[in-house]
Amino acid sequence: MTDPWLERWNERYSKEDFAFGEEPNDYLRAQLPGITPGTILFPAEGEGRNAVYASTLGWKTFAFDISPVGKKKAIILADKHHVSIDYQVGALDTLAYSPNQFDAIALIYAHFPAEIKSAIHKSLVKLLRPGGTVIFEAFSKKHLAYNSSDEKIGGPKDLASLFSIEEIQHDFSGFNFSELTETEIELHEGLYHNGKGSVIRFVGKKP
């Protein structure tokens, strides 16, 4: 990843307020309580709102991000809720996670640079145990039109960084999807996700 990419996220997370709020993502909050707690990984977790929520439900929670500023905010939030998270700073290929280590992986607006996003998905699949669950919500390629008309909704402004259902089916080949949909939603998440947008959501189990 480039230094400007890291600087962008450090700058965003340096504000006193939480960039995307302190509450967990609505889709995660709807799906996670229905899964028996175990080990869960949150890639690109930023300021920790979703990882902290999982810990309050009894999950053994792991997270990573390239931003050390994000980690500091996440630890503050975890302390506020009297839980702990194992939060690593770095790119995925520099971290010592093990194959089949996790019972679940939650990808919540984990928009990696376009040139590596598919490779990261495939690497993450290797870390998930057979029968493990992925929970995913991120902006779809249709979101570009929403972003152009209302920047308060946030999200990437380049088409290649957004997702299609076909890409998801390719990256998570063989998964049993209990839900895989592209839909319009209304977001109210902190400073940077506000308004109507187009997302892809899925819950899938690794074969």
N, C-alpha and C. Protein backbone atom coordinates (compact mmCIF):
# COMPACT_ATOMS: atom_id res chain seq x y z
N MET A 1 0.83 -1.19 0.00
CA MET A 1 0.00 0.00 0.00
C MET A 1 0.88 1.25 0.00
N THR A 2 0.40 2.30 -0.61
CA THR A 2 1.18 3.51 -0.74
C THR A 2 1.08 4.35 0.53
N ASP A 3 2.09 5.19 0.75
CA ASP A 3 2.06 6.09 1.89
C ASP A 3 0.85 7.04 1.87
N PRO A 4 0.47 7.59 0.71
CA PRO A 4 -0.72 8.44 0.71
C PRO A 4 -1.98 7.72 1.20
N TRP A 5 -2.09 6.44 0.92
CA TRP A 5 -3.23 5.66 1.41
C TRP A 5 -3.22 5.61 2.94
N LEU A 6 -2.06 5.35 3.53
CA LEU A 6 -1.92 5.32 4.99
C LEU A 6 -2.18 6.71 5.58
N GLU A 7 -1.62 7.73 4.96
CA GLU A 7 -1.80 9.09 5.47
C GLU A 7 -3.27 9.50 5.45
N ARG A 8 -3.98 9.05 4.42
CA ARG A 8 -5.40 9.38 4.33
C ARG A 8 -6.16 8.86 5.54
N TRP A 9 -5.91 7.61 5.90
CA TRP A 9 -6.67 7.02 7.01
C TRP A 9 -6.18 7.53 8.35
N ASN A 10 -4.88 7.76 8.51
CA ASN A 10 -4.40 8.35 9.76
C ASN A 10 -5.03 9.73 9.98
N GLU A 11 -5.12 10.50 8.91
CA GLU A 11 -5.72 11.83 9.03
C GLU A 11 -7.20 11.73 9.41
N ARG A 12 -7.90 10.81 8.76
CA ARG A 12 -9.33 10.66 9.04
C ARG A 12 -9.57 10.24 10.47
N TYR A 13 -8.74 9.36 11.00
CA TYR A 13 -8.95 8.84 12.34
C TYR A 13 -8.35 9.74 13.42
N SER A 14 -7.66 10.81 13.04
CA SER A 14 -7.01 11.68 14.02
C SER A 14 -7.97 12.64 14.71
N LYS A 15 -9.18 12.79 14.18
CA LYS A 15 -10.17 13.68 14.79
C LYS A 15 -10.69 13.08 16.10
N GLU A 16 -11.18 13.93 16.98
CA GLU A 16 -11.69 13.47 18.26
C GLU A 16 -12.90 12.56 18.08
N ASP A 17 -13.82 12.95 17.19
CA ASP A 17 -14.99 12.12 16.92
C ASP A 17 -14.59 10.87 16.14
N PHE A 18 -15.41 9.84 16.27
CA PHE A 18 -15.16 8.61 15.53
C PHE A 18 -15.70 8.77 14.11
N ALA A 19 -14.85 8.47 13.12
CA ALA A 19 -15.18 8.75 11.72
C ALA A 19 -16.49 8.12 11.29
N PHE A 20 -16.73 6.88 11.70
CA PHE A 20 -17.95 6.16 11.33
C PHE A 20 -18.81 5.84 12.55
N GLY A 21 -18.61 6.59 13.60
CA GLY A 21 -19.40 6.42 14.80
C GLY A 21 -18.85 5.34 15.73
N GLU A 22 -19.46 5.24 16.90
CA GLU A 22 -19.07 4.23 17.87
C GLU A 22 -19.97 3.01 17.85
N GLU A 23 -21.11 3.11 17.19
CA GLU A 23 -22.05 1.99 17.13
C GLU A 23 -21.67 1.03 16.00
N PRO A 24 -21.97 -0.26 16.15
CA PRO A 24 -21.64 -1.21 15.08
C PRO A 24 -22.51 -0.99 13.85
N ASN A 25 -22.04 -1.49 12.75
CA ASN A 25 -22.80 -1.49 11.50
C ASN A 25 -24.11 -2.25 11.68
N ASP A 26 -25.19 -1.73 11.10
CA ASP A 26 -26.51 -2.33 11.28
C ASP A 26 -26.59 -3.77 10.76
N TYR A 27 -25.96 -4.03 9.62
CA TYR A 27 -26.03 -5.38 9.04
C TYR A 27 -25.28 -6.37 9.93
N LEU A 28 -24.14 -5.96 10.44
CA LEU A 28 -23.41 -6.82 11.37
C LEU A 28 -24.24 -7.09 12.61
N ARG A 29 -24.88 -6.04 13.13
CA ARG A 29 -25.69 -6.18 14.34
C ARG A 29 -26.88 -7.11 14.10
N ALA A 30 -27.38 -7.15 12.88
CA ALA A 30 -28.50 -8.04 12.57
C ALA A 30 -28.06 -9.49 12.43
N GLN A 31 -26.83 -9.71 11.95
CA GLN A 31 -26.40 -11.07 11.61
C GLN A 31 -25.61 -11.77 12.70
N LEU A 32 -24.75 -11.04 13.39
CA LEU A 32 -23.79 -11.69 14.28
C LEU A 32 -24.44 -12.40 15.48
N PRO A 33 -25.50 -11.85 16.08
CA PRO A 33 -26.08 -12.55 17.23
C PRO A 33 -26.64 -13.94 16.90
N GLY A 34 -26.88 -14.23 15.64
CA GLY A 34 -27.40 -15.53 15.24
C GLY A 34 -26.33 -16.58 15.06
N ILE A 35 -25.07 -16.24 15.30
CA ILE A 35 -23.95 -17.16 15.11
C ILE A 35 -23.32 -17.45 16.47
N THR A 36 -23.03 -18.71 16.73
CA THR A 36 -22.39 -19.08 18.00
C THR A 36 -21.02 -18.42 18.11
N PRO A 37 -20.75 -17.70 19.19
CA PRO A 37 -19.46 -17.01 19.30
C PRO A 37 -18.27 -17.96 19.27
N GLY A 38 -17.22 -17.50 18.62
CA GLY A 38 -15.95 -18.21 18.55
C GLY A 38 -14.87 -17.18 18.29
N THR A 39 -14.01 -17.45 17.32
CA THR A 39 -12.97 -16.49 16.93
C THR A 39 -13.43 -15.75 15.68
N ILE A 40 -13.24 -14.44 15.67
CA ILE A 40 -13.69 -13.63 14.54
C ILE A 40 -12.61 -12.60 14.18
N LEU A 41 -12.45 -12.35 12.89
CA LEU A 41 -11.47 -11.40 12.38
C LEU A 41 -12.18 -10.25 11.67
N PHE A 42 -11.73 -9.02 11.97
CA PHE A 42 -12.23 -7.82 11.32
C PHE A 42 -11.10 -7.16 10.53
N PRO A 43 -11.03 -7.38 9.22
CA PRO A 43 -10.03 -6.70 8.40
C PRO A 43 -10.39 -5.23 8.19
N ALA A 44 -9.37 -4.38 8.04
CA ALA A 44 -9.58 -2.95 7.79
C ALA A 44 -10.54 -2.37 8.81
N GLU A 45 -10.28 -2.62 10.08
CA GLU A 45 -11.26 -2.34 11.14
C GLU A 45 -11.25 -0.89 11.62
N GLY A 46 -10.27 -0.10 11.24
CA GLY A 46 -10.32 1.31 11.59
C GLY A 46 -10.38 1.55 13.08
N GLU A 47 -11.41 2.25 13.53
CA GLU A 47 -11.50 2.67 14.92
C GLU A 47 -12.21 1.68 15.83
N GLY A 48 -12.53 0.49 15.31
CA GLY A 48 -12.88 -0.62 16.18
C GLY A 48 -14.33 -0.82 16.56
N ARG A 49 -15.25 -0.04 15.98
CA ARG A 49 -16.64 -0.11 16.43
C ARG A 49 -17.24 -1.51 16.29
N ASN A 50 -16.91 -2.19 15.20
CA ASN A 50 -17.51 -3.51 14.97
C ASN A 50 -16.82 -4.61 15.78
N ALA A 51 -15.51 -4.51 15.90
CA ALA A 51 -14.77 -5.49 16.69
C ALA A 51 -15.16 -5.41 18.16
N VAL A 52 -15.30 -4.20 18.67
CA VAL A 52 -15.71 -4.03 20.06
C VAL A 52 -17.10 -4.63 20.28
N TYR A 53 -18.00 -4.39 19.34
CA TYR A 53 -19.34 -4.97 19.46
C TYR A 53 -19.28 -6.49 19.53
N ALA A 54 -18.48 -7.10 18.66
CA ALA A 54 -18.38 -8.56 18.69
C ALA A 54 -17.87 -9.05 20.04
N SER A 55 -16.92 -8.34 20.61
CA SER A 55 -16.38 -8.73 21.91
C SER A 55 -17.45 -8.67 23.00
N THR A 56 -18.37 -7.70 22.89
CA THR A 56 -19.43 -7.62 23.91
C THR A 56 -20.40 -8.79 23.81
N LEU A 57 -20.40 -9.48 22.67
CA LEU A 57 -21.26 -10.66 22.49
C LEU A 57 -20.56 -11.96 22.88
N GLY A 58 -19.31 -11.86 23.30
CA GLY A 58 -18.60 -13.05 23.74
C GLY A 58 -17.64 -13.64 22.72
N TRP A 59 -17.44 -12.96 21.59
CA TRP A 59 -16.48 -13.43 20.60
C TRP A 59 -15.04 -13.15 21.05
N LYS A 60 -14.12 -14.03 20.68
CA LYS A 60 -12.69 -13.75 20.80
C LYS A 60 -12.31 -13.00 19.53
N THR A 61 -12.03 -11.72 19.66
CA THR A 61 -12.04 -10.81 18.53
C THR A 61 -10.64 -10.38 18.13
N PHE A 62 -10.38 -10.50 16.82
CA PHE A 62 -9.11 -10.07 16.22
C PHE A 62 -9.44 -9.02 15.16
N ALA A 63 -8.51 -8.08 14.97
CA ALA A 63 -8.72 -7.03 13.98
C ALA A 63 -7.36 -6.57 13.45
N PHE A 64 -7.39 -6.02 12.24
CA PHE A 64 -6.17 -5.38 11.74
C PHE A 64 -6.52 -4.20 10.85
N ASP A 65 -5.57 -3.30 10.72
CA ASP A 65 -5.69 -2.13 9.86
C ASP A 65 -4.28 -1.60 9.64
N ILE A 66 -4.09 -0.81 8.59
CA ILE A 66 -2.78 -0.21 8.37
C ILE A 66 -2.56 1.02 9.24
N SER A 67 -3.59 1.54 9.87
CA SER A 67 -3.52 2.81 10.58
C SER A 67 -3.28 2.64 12.08
N PRO A 68 -2.12 3.06 12.59
CA PRO A 68 -1.90 3.02 14.04
C PRO A 68 -2.81 3.99 14.78
N VAL A 69 -3.23 5.07 14.11
CA VAL A 69 -4.15 6.01 14.73
C VAL A 69 -5.51 5.35 14.94
N GLY A 70 -5.95 4.57 13.95
CA GLY A 70 -7.19 3.81 14.11
C GLY A 70 -7.12 2.86 15.28
N LYS A 71 -5.99 2.18 15.43
CA LYS A 71 -5.85 1.23 16.55
C LYS A 71 -5.98 1.94 17.89
N LYS A 72 -5.36 3.09 18.02
CA LYS A 72 -5.45 3.83 19.29
C LYS A 72 -6.89 4.14 19.65
N LYS A 73 -7.67 4.56 18.64
CA LYS A 73 -9.08 4.86 18.89
C LYS A 73 -9.83 3.57 19.26
N ALA A 74 -9.49 2.47 18.61
CA ALA A 74 -10.17 1.19 18.87
C ALA A 74 -9.92 0.72 20.30
N ILE A 75 -8.71 0.88 20.78
CA ILE A 75 -8.39 0.46 22.15
C ILE A 75 -9.14 1.32 23.16
N ILE A 76 -9.24 2.62 22.87
CA ILE A 76 -10.02 3.51 23.73
C ILE A 76 -11.48 3.05 23.80
N LEU A 77 -12.04 2.70 22.63
CA LEU A 77 -13.44 2.25 22.59
C LEU A 77 -13.61 0.92 23.31
N ALA A 78 -12.64 0.02 23.14
CA ALA A 78 -12.72 -1.27 23.83
C ALA A 78 -12.67 -1.07 25.35
N ASP A 79 -11.80 -0.18 25.81
CA ASP A 79 -11.72 0.09 27.25
C ASP A 79 -13.03 0.67 27.76
N LYS A 80 -13.65 1.52 26.96
CA LYS A 80 -14.92 2.13 27.35
C LYS A 80 -15.99 1.06 27.59
N HIS A 81 -15.94 -0.02 26.80
CA HIS A 81 -16.94 -1.08 26.89
C HIS A 81 -16.45 -2.27 27.73
N HIS A 82 -15.26 -2.13 28.32
CA HIS A 82 -14.71 -3.15 29.22
C HIS A 82 -14.53 -4.49 28.52
N VAL A 83 -14.04 -4.43 27.28
CA VAL A 83 -13.72 -5.65 26.53
C VAL A 83 -12.30 -5.50 25.97
N SER A 84 -11.79 -6.59 25.42
CA SER A 84 -10.46 -6.55 24.80
C SER A 84 -10.55 -7.07 23.37
N ILE A 85 -9.68 -6.54 22.50
CA ILE A 85 -9.56 -7.02 21.13
C ILE A 85 -8.08 -7.18 20.81
N ASP A 86 -7.77 -8.17 20.03
CA ASP A 86 -6.40 -8.37 19.54
C ASP A 86 -6.28 -7.60 18.22
N TYR A 87 -5.68 -6.43 18.26
CA TYR A 87 -5.65 -5.51 17.12
C TYR A 87 -4.21 -5.38 16.63
N GLN A 88 -3.97 -5.79 15.39
CA GLN A 88 -2.65 -5.70 14.78
C GLN A 88 -2.62 -4.57 13.75
N VAL A 89 -1.47 -3.94 13.60
CA VAL A 89 -1.28 -2.88 12.61
C VAL A 89 -0.38 -3.40 11.51
N GLY A 90 -0.87 -3.33 10.27
CA GLY A 90 -0.07 -3.76 9.12
C GLY A 90 -0.94 -4.32 8.02
N ALA A 91 -0.33 -4.55 6.87
CA ALA A 91 -1.00 -5.21 5.76
C ALA A 91 -1.15 -6.69 6.08
N LEU A 92 -2.18 -7.32 5.50
CA LEU A 92 -2.49 -8.71 5.83
C LEU A 92 -1.29 -9.63 5.64
N ASP A 93 -0.53 -9.42 4.56
CA ASP A 93 0.57 -10.34 4.28
C ASP A 93 1.76 -10.19 5.23
N THR A 94 1.70 -9.21 6.14
CA THR A 94 2.76 -9.05 7.14
C THR A 94 2.35 -9.60 8.51
N LEU A 95 1.13 -10.10 8.62
CA LEU A 95 0.60 -10.52 9.92
C LEU A 95 0.59 -12.04 10.02
N ALA A 96 0.76 -12.54 11.23
CA ALA A 96 0.99 -13.97 11.43
C ALA A 96 -0.29 -14.71 11.79
N TYR A 97 -1.33 -14.52 11.01
CA TYR A 97 -2.54 -15.32 11.19
C TYR A 97 -2.33 -16.69 10.55
N SER A 98 -3.09 -17.68 11.02
CA SER A 98 -2.88 -19.06 10.58
C SER A 98 -4.05 -19.56 9.74
N PRO A 99 -3.80 -20.50 8.83
CA PRO A 99 -4.89 -21.11 8.07
C PRO A 99 -5.93 -21.72 9.02
N ASN A 100 -7.20 -21.53 8.68
CA ASN A 100 -8.32 -22.09 9.44
C ASN A 100 -8.41 -21.56 10.87
N GLN A 101 -7.84 -20.39 11.12
CA GLN A 101 -7.80 -19.86 12.49
C GLN A 101 -9.15 -19.33 12.97
N PHE A 102 -9.99 -18.85 12.05
CA PHE A 102 -11.16 -18.10 12.47
C PHE A 102 -12.47 -18.82 12.16
N ASP A 103 -13.41 -18.66 13.08
CA ASP A 103 -14.76 -19.18 12.87
C ASP A 103 -15.60 -18.23 12.02
N ALA A 104 -15.23 -16.95 12.01
CA ALA A 104 -15.97 -15.96 11.23
C ALA A 104 -15.02 -14.83 10.83
N ILE A 105 -15.34 -14.20 9.71
CA ILE A 105 -14.65 -13.00 9.25
C ILE A 105 -15.73 -11.99 8.87
N ALA A 106 -15.59 -10.77 9.36
CA ALA A 106 -16.56 -9.71 9.05
C ALA A 106 -15.87 -8.63 8.23
N LEU A 107 -16.30 -8.48 6.99
CA LEU A 107 -15.78 -7.46 6.09
C LEU A 107 -16.82 -6.36 5.97
N ILE A 108 -16.64 -5.31 6.74
CA ILE A 108 -17.61 -4.21 6.81
C ILE A 108 -16.96 -2.96 6.23
N TYR A 109 -17.34 -2.61 5.01
CA TYR A 109 -16.75 -1.48 4.28
C TYR A 109 -15.22 -1.58 4.25
N ALA A 110 -14.75 -2.80 4.00
CA ALA A 110 -13.31 -3.06 3.86
C ALA A 110 -12.93 -2.87 2.40
N HIS A 111 -12.83 -1.61 1.99
CA HIS A 111 -12.52 -1.28 0.60
C HIS A 111 -11.01 -1.15 0.44
N PHE A 112 -10.38 -2.27 0.13
CA PHE A 112 -8.95 -2.28 -0.14
C PHE A 112 -8.68 -1.68 -1.53
N PRO A 113 -7.46 -1.22 -1.78
CA PRO A 113 -7.14 -0.71 -3.13
C PRO A 113 -7.52 -1.72 -4.20
N ALA A 114 -8.01 -1.22 -5.31
CA ALA A 114 -8.59 -2.07 -6.35
C ALA A 114 -7.65 -3.17 -6.82
N GLU A 115 -6.36 -2.85 -6.90
CA GLU A 115 -5.43 -3.82 -7.47
C GLU A 115 -5.14 -5.00 -6.55
N ILE A 116 -5.53 -4.91 -5.28
CA ILE A 116 -5.24 -6.01 -4.36
C ILE A 116 -6.49 -6.58 -3.68
N LYS A 117 -7.66 -6.00 -3.92
CA LYS A 117 -8.83 -6.39 -3.14
C LYS A 117 -9.19 -7.86 -3.33
N SER A 118 -9.14 -8.36 -4.56
CA SER A 118 -9.50 -9.75 -4.81
C SER A 118 -8.49 -10.70 -4.17
N ALA A 119 -7.22 -10.37 -4.26
CA ALA A 119 -6.18 -11.21 -3.65
C ALA A 119 -6.33 -11.26 -2.14
N ILE A 120 -6.71 -10.15 -1.53
CA ILE A 120 -6.91 -10.13 -0.08
C ILE A 120 -8.10 -11.01 0.29
N HIS A 121 -9.19 -10.92 -0.46
CA HIS A 121 -10.33 -11.79 -0.18
C HIS A 121 -9.91 -13.26 -0.20
N LYS A 122 -9.15 -13.65 -1.21
CA LYS A 122 -8.76 -15.05 -1.32
C LYS A 122 -7.82 -15.46 -0.20
N SER A 123 -6.96 -14.54 0.25
CA SER A 123 -6.10 -14.83 1.39
C SER A 123 -6.91 -14.98 2.67
N LEU A 124 -7.93 -14.14 2.82
CA LEU A 124 -8.77 -14.23 4.01
C LEU A 124 -9.54 -15.55 4.06
N VAL A 125 -9.99 -16.02 2.90
CA VAL A 125 -10.70 -17.30 2.85
C VAL A 125 -9.85 -18.42 3.44
N LYS A 126 -8.54 -18.37 3.22
CA LYS A 126 -7.64 -19.40 3.75
C LYS A 126 -7.57 -19.36 5.27
N LEU A 127 -7.83 -18.20 5.85
CA LEU A 127 -7.78 -18.06 7.31
C LEU A 127 -9.05 -18.54 7.99
N LEU A 128 -10.11 -18.77 7.21
CA LEU A 128 -11.41 -19.17 7.73
C LEU A 128 -11.49 -20.70 7.75
N ARG A 129 -11.97 -21.23 8.86
CA ARG A 129 -12.10 -22.69 8.94
C ARG A 129 -13.21 -23.18 8.01
N PRO A 130 -13.16 -24.42 7.56
CA PRO A 130 -14.28 -24.98 6.79
C PRO A 130 -15.58 -24.89 7.61
N GLY A 131 -16.63 -24.40 6.98
CA GLY A 131 -17.88 -24.19 7.68
C GLY A 131 -17.98 -22.84 8.37
N GLY A 132 -16.88 -22.07 8.32
CA GLY A 132 -16.89 -20.75 8.92
C GLY A 132 -17.68 -19.75 8.09
N THR A 133 -18.01 -18.63 8.70
CA THR A 133 -18.94 -17.65 8.12
C THR A 133 -18.25 -16.35 7.78
N VAL A 134 -18.60 -15.79 6.62
CA VAL A 134 -18.22 -14.42 6.27
C VAL A 134 -19.47 -13.55 6.28
N ILE A 135 -19.38 -12.41 6.96
CA ILE A 135 -20.41 -11.38 6.91
C ILE A 135 -19.81 -10.18 6.18
N PHE A 136 -20.51 -9.69 5.17
CA PHE A 136 -19.93 -8.69 4.27
C PHE A 136 -20.95 -7.59 3.96
N GLU A 137 -20.51 -6.35 4.10
CA GLU A 137 -21.27 -5.22 3.56
C GLU A 137 -20.28 -4.19 3.05
N ALA A 138 -20.46 -3.76 1.81
CA ALA A 138 -19.61 -2.74 1.21
C ALA A 138 -20.34 -2.13 0.03
N PHE A 139 -19.84 -1.00 -0.45
CA PHE A 139 -20.50 -0.30 -1.53
C PHE A 139 -20.36 -1.03 -2.86
N SER A 140 -21.48 -1.05 -3.62
CA SER A 140 -21.50 -1.70 -4.92
C SER A 140 -21.07 -0.72 -6.02
N LYS A 141 -20.89 -1.24 -7.19
CA LYS A 141 -20.48 -0.39 -8.32
C LYS A 141 -21.56 0.66 -8.65
N LYS A 142 -22.80 0.36 -8.35
CA LYS A 142 -23.87 1.35 -8.56
C LYS A 142 -23.74 2.54 -7.61
N HIS A 143 -22.95 2.39 -6.57
CA HIS A 143 -22.82 3.45 -5.58
C HIS A 143 -22.18 4.72 -6.13
N LEU A 144 -21.43 4.58 -7.20
CA LEU A 144 -20.74 5.74 -7.77
C LEU A 144 -21.73 6.86 -8.08
N ALA A 145 -22.91 6.51 -8.57
CA ALA A 145 -23.91 7.52 -8.89
C ALA A 145 -24.43 8.19 -7.62
N TYR A 146 -24.59 7.43 -6.53
CA TYR A 146 -25.03 8.01 -5.27
C TYR A 146 -23.97 8.97 -4.72
N ASN A 147 -22.72 8.54 -4.78
CA ASN A 147 -21.62 9.35 -4.28
C ASN A 147 -21.48 10.65 -5.05
N SER A 148 -21.72 10.58 -6.37
CA SER A 148 -21.61 11.77 -7.21
C SER A 148 -22.66 12.81 -6.88
N SER A 149 -23.84 12.36 -6.44
CA SER A 149 -24.93 13.29 -6.14
C SER A 149 -24.94 13.75 -4.69
N ASP A 150 -24.26 13.00 -3.80
CA ASP A 150 -24.25 13.36 -2.38
C ASP A 150 -22.98 12.80 -1.74
N GLU A 151 -21.96 13.63 -1.61
CA GLU A 151 -20.67 13.17 -1.09
C GLU A 151 -20.73 12.76 0.38
N LYS A 152 -21.79 13.17 1.09
CA LYS A 152 -21.88 12.82 2.51
C LYS A 152 -22.05 11.32 2.73
N ILE A 153 -22.48 10.60 1.69
CA ILE A 153 -22.64 9.16 1.83
C ILE A 153 -21.29 8.45 1.90
N GLY A 154 -20.24 9.06 1.34
CA GLY A 154 -18.92 8.48 1.42
C GLY A 154 -18.72 7.33 0.44
N GLY A 155 -17.61 6.63 0.62
CA GLY A 155 -17.27 5.50 -0.24
C GLY A 155 -16.29 5.87 -1.33
N PRO A 156 -15.63 4.88 -1.91
CA PRO A 156 -14.67 5.12 -2.99
C PRO A 156 -15.30 5.81 -4.18
N LYS A 157 -14.49 6.60 -4.86
CA LYS A 157 -14.97 7.34 -6.03
C LYS A 157 -14.45 6.77 -7.34
N ASP A 158 -13.81 5.61 -7.26
CA ASP A 158 -13.37 4.93 -8.47
C ASP A 158 -14.09 3.60 -8.59
N LEU A 159 -14.57 3.30 -9.78
CA LEU A 159 -15.40 2.13 -10.01
C LEU A 159 -14.70 0.83 -9.62
N ALA A 160 -13.40 0.75 -9.86
CA ALA A 160 -12.67 -0.50 -9.63
C ALA A 160 -12.59 -0.87 -8.16
N SER A 161 -12.72 0.11 -7.27
CA SER A 161 -12.67 -0.18 -5.84
C SER A 161 -14.01 -0.61 -5.26
N LEU A 162 -15.06 -0.50 -6.06
CA LEU A 162 -16.40 -0.92 -5.65
C LEU A 162 -16.65 -2.36 -6.08
N PHE A 163 -17.74 -2.96 -5.61
CA PHE A 163 -17.95 -4.39 -5.78
C PHE A 163 -19.16 -4.71 -6.65
N SER A 164 -19.08 -5.84 -7.31
CA SER A 164 -20.22 -6.42 -8.02
C SER A 164 -20.50 -7.80 -7.44
N ILE A 165 -21.71 -8.27 -7.64
CA ILE A 165 -22.04 -9.62 -7.18
C ILE A 165 -21.16 -10.66 -7.87
N GLU A 166 -20.86 -10.42 -9.14
CA GLU A 166 -20.00 -11.36 -9.87
C GLU A 166 -18.61 -11.46 -9.25
N GLU A 167 -18.08 -10.32 -8.83
CA GLU A 167 -16.77 -10.34 -8.16
C GLU A 167 -16.83 -11.12 -6.85
N ILE A 168 -17.89 -10.91 -6.10
CA ILE A 168 -18.03 -11.63 -4.83
C ILE A 168 -18.12 -13.13 -5.08
N GLN A 169 -18.90 -13.53 -6.05
CA GLN A 169 -19.02 -14.96 -6.36
C GLN A 169 -17.69 -15.55 -6.79
N HIS A 170 -16.87 -14.76 -7.47
CA HIS A 170 -15.55 -15.22 -7.90
C HIS A 170 -14.60 -15.33 -6.71
N ASP A 171 -14.55 -14.28 -5.88
CA ASP A 171 -13.60 -14.25 -4.77
C ASP A 171 -13.96 -15.27 -3.69
N PHE A 172 -15.24 -15.54 -3.52
CA PHE A 172 -15.70 -16.48 -2.49
C PHE A 172 -16.33 -17.70 -3.16
N SER A 173 -15.61 -18.21 -4.14
CA SER A 173 -16.09 -19.34 -4.93
C SER A 173 -16.37 -20.56 -4.05
N GLY A 174 -17.51 -21.19 -4.28
CA GLY A 174 -17.88 -22.39 -3.53
C GLY A 174 -18.62 -22.11 -2.25
N PHE A 175 -18.68 -20.87 -1.81
CA PHE A 175 -19.38 -20.54 -0.58
C PHE A 175 -20.88 -20.81 -0.72
N ASN A 176 -21.48 -21.19 0.39
CA ASN A 176 -22.94 -21.35 0.47
C ASN A 176 -23.52 -20.05 1.01
N PHE A 177 -24.14 -19.27 0.14
CA PHE A 177 -24.66 -17.96 0.53
C PHE A 177 -26.09 -18.09 1.05
N SER A 178 -26.30 -17.72 2.30
CA SER A 178 -27.67 -17.63 2.81
C SER A 178 -28.31 -16.32 2.37
N GLU A 179 -27.49 -15.33 2.05
CA GLU A 179 -27.94 -14.07 1.47
C GLU A 179 -26.82 -13.50 0.61
N LEU A 180 -27.16 -13.02 -0.56
CA LEU A 180 -26.23 -12.30 -1.43
C LEU A 180 -27.07 -11.35 -2.26
N THR A 181 -26.99 -10.06 -1.94
CA THR A 181 -27.90 -9.11 -2.56
C THR A 181 -27.22 -7.77 -2.78
N GLU A 182 -27.70 -7.06 -3.77
CA GLU A 182 -27.33 -5.67 -4.00
C GLU A 182 -28.56 -4.83 -3.73
N THR A 183 -28.42 -3.83 -2.85
CA THR A 183 -29.62 -3.11 -2.42
C THR A 183 -29.29 -1.66 -2.06
N GLU A 184 -30.30 -0.83 -2.07
CA GLU A 184 -30.18 0.56 -1.62
C GLU A 184 -30.48 0.62 -0.13
N ILE A 185 -29.62 1.31 0.62
CA ILE A 185 -29.85 1.47 2.06
C ILE A 185 -29.61 2.92 2.46
N GLU A 186 -30.07 3.25 3.65
CA GLU A 186 -29.84 4.56 4.25
C GLU A 186 -28.84 4.38 5.38
N LEU A 187 -27.73 5.09 5.30
CA LEU A 187 -26.68 4.97 6.31
C LEU A 187 -26.67 6.20 7.21
N HIS A 188 -26.42 5.94 8.50
CA HIS A 188 -26.20 7.00 9.48
C HIS A 188 -25.06 6.53 10.37
N GLU A 189 -23.84 6.63 9.85
CA GLU A 189 -22.67 6.12 10.55
C GLU A 189 -21.62 7.23 10.69
N GLY A 190 -21.61 7.86 11.85
CA GLY A 190 -20.58 8.84 12.16
C GLY A 190 -20.57 10.03 11.22
N LEU A 191 -19.36 10.46 10.88
CA LEU A 191 -19.16 11.66 10.07
C LEU A 191 -19.20 11.40 8.57
N TYR A 192 -18.94 10.16 8.14
CA TYR A 192 -18.63 9.93 6.74
C TYR A 192 -19.56 8.99 5.98
N HIS A 193 -20.52 8.39 6.65
CA HIS A 193 -21.50 7.52 5.98
C HIS A 193 -22.89 8.04 6.30
N ASN A 194 -23.38 8.97 5.51
CA ASN A 194 -24.69 9.55 5.79
C ASN A 194 -25.47 9.76 4.51
N GLY A 195 -26.63 9.09 4.39
CA GLY A 195 -27.47 9.22 3.22
C GLY A 195 -27.73 7.89 2.56
N LYS A 196 -28.29 7.96 1.36
CA LYS A 196 -28.61 6.75 0.60
C LYS A 196 -27.41 6.30 -0.22
N GLY A 197 -27.22 4.97 -0.24
CA GLY A 197 -26.15 4.39 -1.02
C GLY A 197 -26.54 3.02 -1.53
N SER A 198 -25.74 2.47 -2.39
CA SER A 198 -25.95 1.13 -2.93
C SER A 198 -24.87 0.20 -2.39
N VAL A 199 -25.29 -0.91 -1.79
CA VAL A 199 -24.34 -1.83 -1.18
C VAL A 199 -24.58 -3.25 -1.66
N ILE A 200 -23.54 -4.05 -1.47
CA ILE A 200 -23.67 -5.50 -1.58
C ILE A 200 -23.53 -6.06 -0.18
N ARG A 201 -24.43 -6.96 0.16
CA ARG A 201 -24.43 -7.64 1.44
C ARG A 201 -24.43 -9.14 1.20
N PHE A 202 -23.67 -9.85 2.02
CA PHE A 202 -23.82 -11.30 1.98
C PHE A 202 -23.42 -11.93 3.29
N VAL A 203 -24.02 -13.08 3.53
CA VAL A 203 -23.60 -14.01 4.58
C VAL A 203 -23.34 -15.33 3.88
N GLY A 204 -22.14 -15.85 4.04
CA GLY A 204 -21.80 -17.10 3.34
C GLY A 204 -20.94 -18.00 4.21
N LYS A 205 -21.05 -19.30 3.98
CA LYS A 205 -20.25 -20.28 4.71
C LYS A 205 -19.22 -20.92 3.78
N LYS A 206 -18.03 -21.06 4.29
CA LYS A 206 -16.96 -21.69 3.53
C LYS A 206 -17.21 -23.19 3.42
N PRO A 207 -17.04 -23.75 2.25
CA PRO A 207 -17.25 -25.20 2.10
C PRO A 207 -16.22 -26.02 2.88
